[in-house]
């Protein structure tokens, strides 16, 4: 039985608009979607879970494959009686969204793939994620957070945005973050799946994202049968926080199209 996830469920439960479900990245929590909850909940239901091992959700040590994260999301949406929805995810959350599409495509009416990439891990990448997991368990989150903060957000990001991102990282439970890193290292290759995605998809990326560069987003856009690519200027890996108005405008266009 999946742990019951902590979540926020905001907005019009009786709206005719499709619910919007947003999946955070590593090592963050559901508060990374605060600008999107604020922008879209007046008109539709917006659901943002804390993944297992993050935020206020239960911490399950060991290894958490992307399929387990996806099954947790499905179980939560069953509990909330949400049969169909628009699904978005950023970075690891985008890979979980792809896994959700692999497991239950019939429930997903639109996709948002933000600052993510579909390829399986390389052998070097698997070693790197294993080493990172070991380090988080040994040292905690603070040193890692300080090292990667200005790769997650651009060096020119607003101070309050950088502070929010650092706060999410340093408060993430090391056991949960390490379990996710180990599971993500074993993820499948989603590139062929993308060619079979039958719903409108927004591919969005920060122009200065070093983790998932614009080229990765362009390749996904080319593979997807029905997609729009939007590059957010003045942002790195978290354009939804760094430039929320621009990100929300692109997301709004997808939702209007649906």
Protein backbone atom coordinates (compact mmCIF):
# COMPACT_ATOMS: atom_id res chain seq x y z
CA UNK A 1 0.00 0.00 0.00
CA UNK A 2 1.44 3.37 -1.04
CA UNK A 3 2.04 5.85 1.78
CA UNK A 4 -0.61 8.52 1.82
CA UNK A 5 1.02 11.56 0.29
CA UNK A 6 0.87 15.04 1.74
CA UNK A 7 -0.67 17.35 -0.84
CA UNK A 8 -2.39 20.62 -1.58
CA UNK A 9 -5.75 20.51 -3.39
CA UNK A 10 -6.84 24.03 -4.30
CA UNK A 11 -9.41 25.60 -6.54
CA UNK A 12 -12.83 24.91 -7.99
CA UNK A 13 -13.74 21.26 -7.35
CA UNK A 14 -16.86 21.63 -9.52
CA UNK A 15 -15.14 23.45 -12.39
CA UNK A 16 -15.66 22.05 -15.89
CA UNK A 17 -11.94 22.66 -16.50
CA UNK A 18 -9.60 19.68 -16.32
CA UNK A 19 -7.73 19.42 -13.00
CA UNK A 20 -4.04 20.29 -13.14
CA UNK A 21 -1.64 17.96 -11.30
CA UNK A 22 1.97 19.12 -10.85
CA UNK A 23 4.90 16.93 -9.72
CA UNK A 24 7.93 18.54 -8.11
CA UNK A 25 11.57 17.76 -8.80
CA UNK A 26 14.49 16.60 -6.64
CA UNK A 27 15.19 17.62 -3.91
CA UNK A 28 12.18 19.91 -3.58
CA UNK A 29 8.60 19.74 -2.35
CA UNK A 30 5.16 20.88 -3.42
CA UNK A 31 5.85 24.52 -2.49
CA UNK A 32 7.93 24.83 -5.67
CA UNK A 33 4.58 25.12 -7.49
CA UNK A 34 3.25 27.99 -5.34
CA UNK A 35 3.14 30.51 -8.23
CA UNK A 36 1.21 28.03 -10.39
CA UNK A 37 -1.25 27.13 -7.62
CA UNK A 38 -1.93 30.83 -7.11
CA UNK A 39 -2.33 31.52 -10.83
CA UNK A 40 -4.51 28.58 -11.88
CA UNK A 41 -6.59 27.62 -8.83
CA UNK A 42 -9.13 30.44 -9.31
CA UNK A 43 -10.40 28.69 -12.46
CA UNK A 44 -9.66 24.99 -11.97
CA UNK A 45 -8.65 22.38 -9.43
CA UNK A 46 -4.86 22.28 -8.88
CA UNK A 47 -3.31 19.33 -7.02
CA UNK A 48 0.32 19.35 -5.91
CA UNK A 49 1.62 16.35 -3.93
CA UNK A 50 4.78 15.95 -1.90
CA UNK A 51 6.40 12.83 -3.36
CA UNK A 52 7.23 10.04 -0.92
CA UNK A 53 10.47 10.91 0.85
CA UNK A 54 10.00 14.66 0.36
CA UNK A 55 8.21 17.50 2.11
CA UNK A 56 5.58 16.28 4.58
CA UNK A 57 5.09 12.86 2.95
CA UNK A 58 6.32 9.63 4.56
CA UNK A 59 10.02 8.85 4.19
CA UNK A 60 10.69 5.39 2.79
CA UNK A 61 14.45 4.64 2.72
CA UNK A 62 16.18 2.30 0.29
CA UNK A 63 15.37 2.64 -3.42
CA UNK A 64 12.32 4.42 -4.87
CA UNK A 65 11.86 3.69 -8.60
CA UNK A 66 10.01 6.16 -10.78
CA UNK A 67 7.24 3.57 -11.15
CA UNK A 68 6.58 3.73 -7.38
CA UNK A 69 6.33 7.53 -7.49
CA UNK A 70 3.90 7.21 -10.42
CA UNK A 71 1.77 4.62 -8.61
CA UNK A 72 1.66 6.91 -5.55
CA UNK A 73 0.34 9.75 -7.73
CA UNK A 74 -2.31 7.46 -9.25
CA UNK A 75 -3.37 6.26 -5.79
CA UNK A 76 -3.69 9.84 -4.53
CA UNK A 77 -5.80 10.83 -7.54
CA UNK A 78 -8.00 7.77 -7.00
CA UNK A 79 -8.47 8.87 -3.39
CA UNK A 80 -9.40 12.38 -4.57
CA UNK A 81 -11.72 10.99 -7.28
CA UNK A 82 -9.84 12.61 -10.16
CA UNK A 83 -10.19 10.27 -13.17
CA UNK A 84 -8.68 12.55 -15.84
CA UNK A 85 -6.29 15.49 -15.59
CA UNK A 86 -3.50 17.53 -17.12
CA UNK A 87 -0.17 16.32 -15.70
CA UNK A 88 2.99 18.37 -15.39
CA UNK A 89 6.38 17.68 -13.90
CA UNK A 90 9.75 19.38 -13.67
CA UNK A 91 13.12 17.60 -13.86
CA UNK A 92 12.67 14.29 -11.96
CA UNK A 93 8.99 15.24 -11.82
CA UNK A 94 8.96 15.33 -15.61
CA UNK A 95 10.40 11.82 -15.73
CA UNK A 96 7.72 10.71 -13.26
CA UNK A 97 5.13 12.31 -15.54
CA UNK A 98 6.53 10.24 -18.45
CA UNK A 99 6.30 7.12 -16.27
CA UNK A 100 2.69 8.02 -15.44
CA UNK A 101 1.97 8.25 -19.16
CA UNK A 102 3.58 4.83 -19.64
CA UNK A 103 1.46 3.28 -16.88
CA UNK A 104 -1.92 5.00 -17.27
CA UNK A 105 -2.04 7.06 -20.50
CA UNK A 106 -5.84 6.99 -20.65
CA UNK A 107 -6.15 9.27 -17.60
CA UNK A 108 -3.84 12.00 -18.91
CA UNK A 109 -5.39 14.61 -21.21
CA UNK A 110 -2.36 16.89 -21.53
CA UNK A 111 1.31 16.86 -20.49
CA UNK A 112 3.80 19.47 -19.31
CA UNK A 113 7.44 18.38 -19.44
CA UNK A 114 9.61 21.07 -17.85
CA UNK A 115 13.41 21.07 -17.65
CA UNK A 116 13.61 17.30 -18.02
CA UNK A 117 14.94 14.67 -20.41
CA UNK A 118 13.78 11.21 -21.49
CA UNK A 119 16.96 9.15 -21.90
CA UNK A 120 17.96 6.34 -19.55
CA UNK A 121 20.90 6.89 -17.23
CA UNK A 122 24.42 6.31 -18.53
CA UNK A 123 26.80 4.04 -16.57
CA UNK A 124 28.69 7.15 -15.43
CA UNK A 125 25.41 8.77 -14.42
CA UNK A 126 24.43 5.71 -12.36
CA UNK A 127 27.75 5.84 -10.52
CA UNK A 128 27.33 9.57 -9.94
CA UNK A 129 23.80 9.19 -8.54
CA UNK A 130 24.93 6.36 -6.25
CA UNK A 131 27.79 8.49 -4.95
CA UNK A 132 25.45 11.44 -4.44
CA UNK A 133 23.00 9.24 -2.51
CA UNK A 134 25.81 7.98 -0.26
CA UNK A 135 26.93 11.55 0.35
CA UNK A 136 23.45 12.78 1.32
CA UNK A 137 23.10 9.95 3.84
CA UNK A 138 26.55 10.67 5.24
CA UNK A 139 26.54 14.49 5.30
CA UNK A 140 22.93 15.64 5.05
CA UNK A 141 21.54 18.15 2.56
CA UNK A 142 23.17 21.50 3.37
CA UNK A 143 26.52 21.09 1.60
CA UNK A 144 24.87 19.71 -1.53
CA UNK A 145 22.30 22.52 -1.49
CA UNK A 146 24.97 25.20 -1.31
CA UNK A 147 26.92 23.63 -4.18
CA UNK A 148 24.03 23.35 -6.63
CA UNK A 149 21.86 26.32 -5.64
CA UNK A 150 23.05 28.57 -8.46
CA UNK A 151 22.69 25.77 -10.97
CA UNK A 152 19.10 25.11 -9.88
CA UNK A 153 18.37 28.83 -10.23
CA UNK A 154 20.41 31.26 -12.29
CA UNK A 155 23.10 33.29 -10.48
CA UNK A 156 21.03 36.38 -11.28
CA UNK A 157 17.83 34.95 -9.73
CA UNK A 158 15.91 37.11 -7.29
CA UNK A 159 17.20 36.60 -3.71
CA UNK A 160 13.80 35.49 -2.38
CA UNK A 161 13.58 32.81 -5.11
CA UNK A 162 17.06 31.50 -4.32
CA UNK A 163 16.20 31.46 -0.61
CA UNK A 164 13.01 29.45 -1.26
CA UNK A 165 14.90 26.91 -3.37
CA UNK A 166 17.67 26.53 -0.79
CA UNK A 167 15.08 26.11 1.98
CA UNK A 168 13.37 23.27 0.07
CA UNK A 169 16.69 21.53 -0.49
CA UNK A 170 18.06 21.76 3.06
CA UNK A 171 14.78 20.55 4.59
CA UNK A 172 14.45 17.54 2.27
CA UNK A 173 14.91 14.27 4.21
CA UNK A 174 18.27 12.76 3.16
CA UNK A 175 16.87 9.19 3.23
CA UNK A 176 14.07 10.11 0.86
CA UNK A 177 16.33 12.06 -1.49
CA UNK A 178 18.88 9.22 -1.57
CA UNK A 179 16.17 6.63 -2.29
CA UNK A 180 14.96 8.73 -5.20
CA UNK A 181 18.47 9.13 -6.60
CA UNK A 182 19.01 5.36 -6.51
CA UNK A 183 15.66 4.68 -8.15
CA UNK A 184 16.10 7.34 -10.79
CA UNK A 185 19.46 5.84 -11.76
CA UNK A 186 17.58 2.71 -12.93
CA UNK A 187 14.88 4.51 -14.93
CA UNK A 188 13.86 3.26 -18.37
CA UNK A 189 14.46 5.12 -21.62
CA UNK A 190 11.35 7.15 -22.48
CA UNK A 191 12.43 8.35 -25.92
CA UNK A 192 10.34 5.81 -27.84
CA UNK A 193 7.37 6.45 -25.53
CA UNK A 194 7.41 10.14 -26.46
CA UNK A 195 6.79 9.28 -30.13
CA UNK A 196 3.51 7.60 -29.03
CA UNK A 197 2.17 10.35 -26.76
CA UNK A 198 -1.33 11.06 -28.02
CA UNK A 199 -2.12 14.24 -26.05
CA UNK A 200 -1.07 17.87 -26.47
CA UNK A 201 2.22 18.50 -24.68
CA UNK A 202 4.05 21.61 -23.54
CA UNK A 203 7.84 21.27 -23.44
CA UNK A 204 9.30 24.14 -21.44
CA UNK A 205 12.89 24.89 -20.38
CA UNK A 206 14.91 27.73 -18.90
CA UNK A 207 17.31 29.18 -21.46
CA UNK A 208 20.23 28.97 -18.99
CA UNK A 209 19.47 25.46 -17.67
CA UNK A 210 22.74 23.54 -17.41
CA UNK A 211 21.18 20.32 -16.08
CA UNK A 212 18.71 19.87 -18.96
CA UNK A 213 19.84 22.21 -21.74
CA UNK A 214 17.62 23.69 -24.42
CA UNK A 215 18.88 21.02 -26.84
CA UNK A 216 17.27 18.30 -24.72
CA UNK A 217 13.95 20.16 -24.84
CA UNK A 218 14.24 20.61 -28.61
CA UNK A 219 14.79 16.87 -29.06
CA UNK A 220 11.70 16.06 -26.98
CA UNK A 221 9.65 18.58 -28.94
CA UNK A 222 10.73 16.94 -32.20
CA UNK A 223 9.87 13.45 -30.92
CA UNK A 224 6.41 14.34 -29.59
CA UNK A 225 3.58 14.20 -32.17
CA UNK A 226 1.68 17.23 -30.78
CA UNK A 227 3.88 19.57 -28.78
CA UNK A 228 4.80 23.21 -28.27
CA UNK A 229 8.30 24.22 -27.17
CA UNK A 230 8.70 27.27 -24.96
CA UNK A 231 12.10 28.57 -23.84
CA UNK A 232 11.91 30.81 -20.76
CA UNK A 233 14.36 33.68 -20.91
CA UNK A 234 16.18 34.69 -17.75
CA UNK A 235 15.87 31.31 -16.02
CA UNK A 236 17.89 28.18 -15.31
CA UNK A 237 16.47 24.86 -14.03
CA UNK A 238 13.38 26.24 -12.23
CA UNK A 239 11.71 28.65 -14.67
CA UNK A 240 8.33 28.24 -12.93
CA UNK A 241 9.83 30.00 -9.88
CA UNK A 242 12.39 32.21 -11.59
CA UNK A 243 10.06 33.65 -14.25
CA UNK A 244 6.56 32.58 -13.18
CA UNK A 245 4.65 34.97 -15.44
CA UNK A 246 6.38 33.64 -18.57
CA UNK A 247 6.02 30.00 -17.46
CA UNK A 248 2.36 30.50 -16.55
CA UNK A 249 1.63 32.14 -19.88
CA UNK A 250 2.90 29.07 -21.74
CA UNK A 251 1.00 26.74 -19.42
CA UNK A 252 -2.16 28.80 -19.80
CA UNK A 253 -1.94 28.48 -23.58
CA UNK A 254 -1.84 24.67 -23.27
CA UNK A 255 -4.78 24.62 -20.87
CA UNK A 256 -6.79 26.92 -23.15
CA UNK A 257 -5.99 24.67 -26.12
CA UNK A 258 -7.31 21.66 -24.19
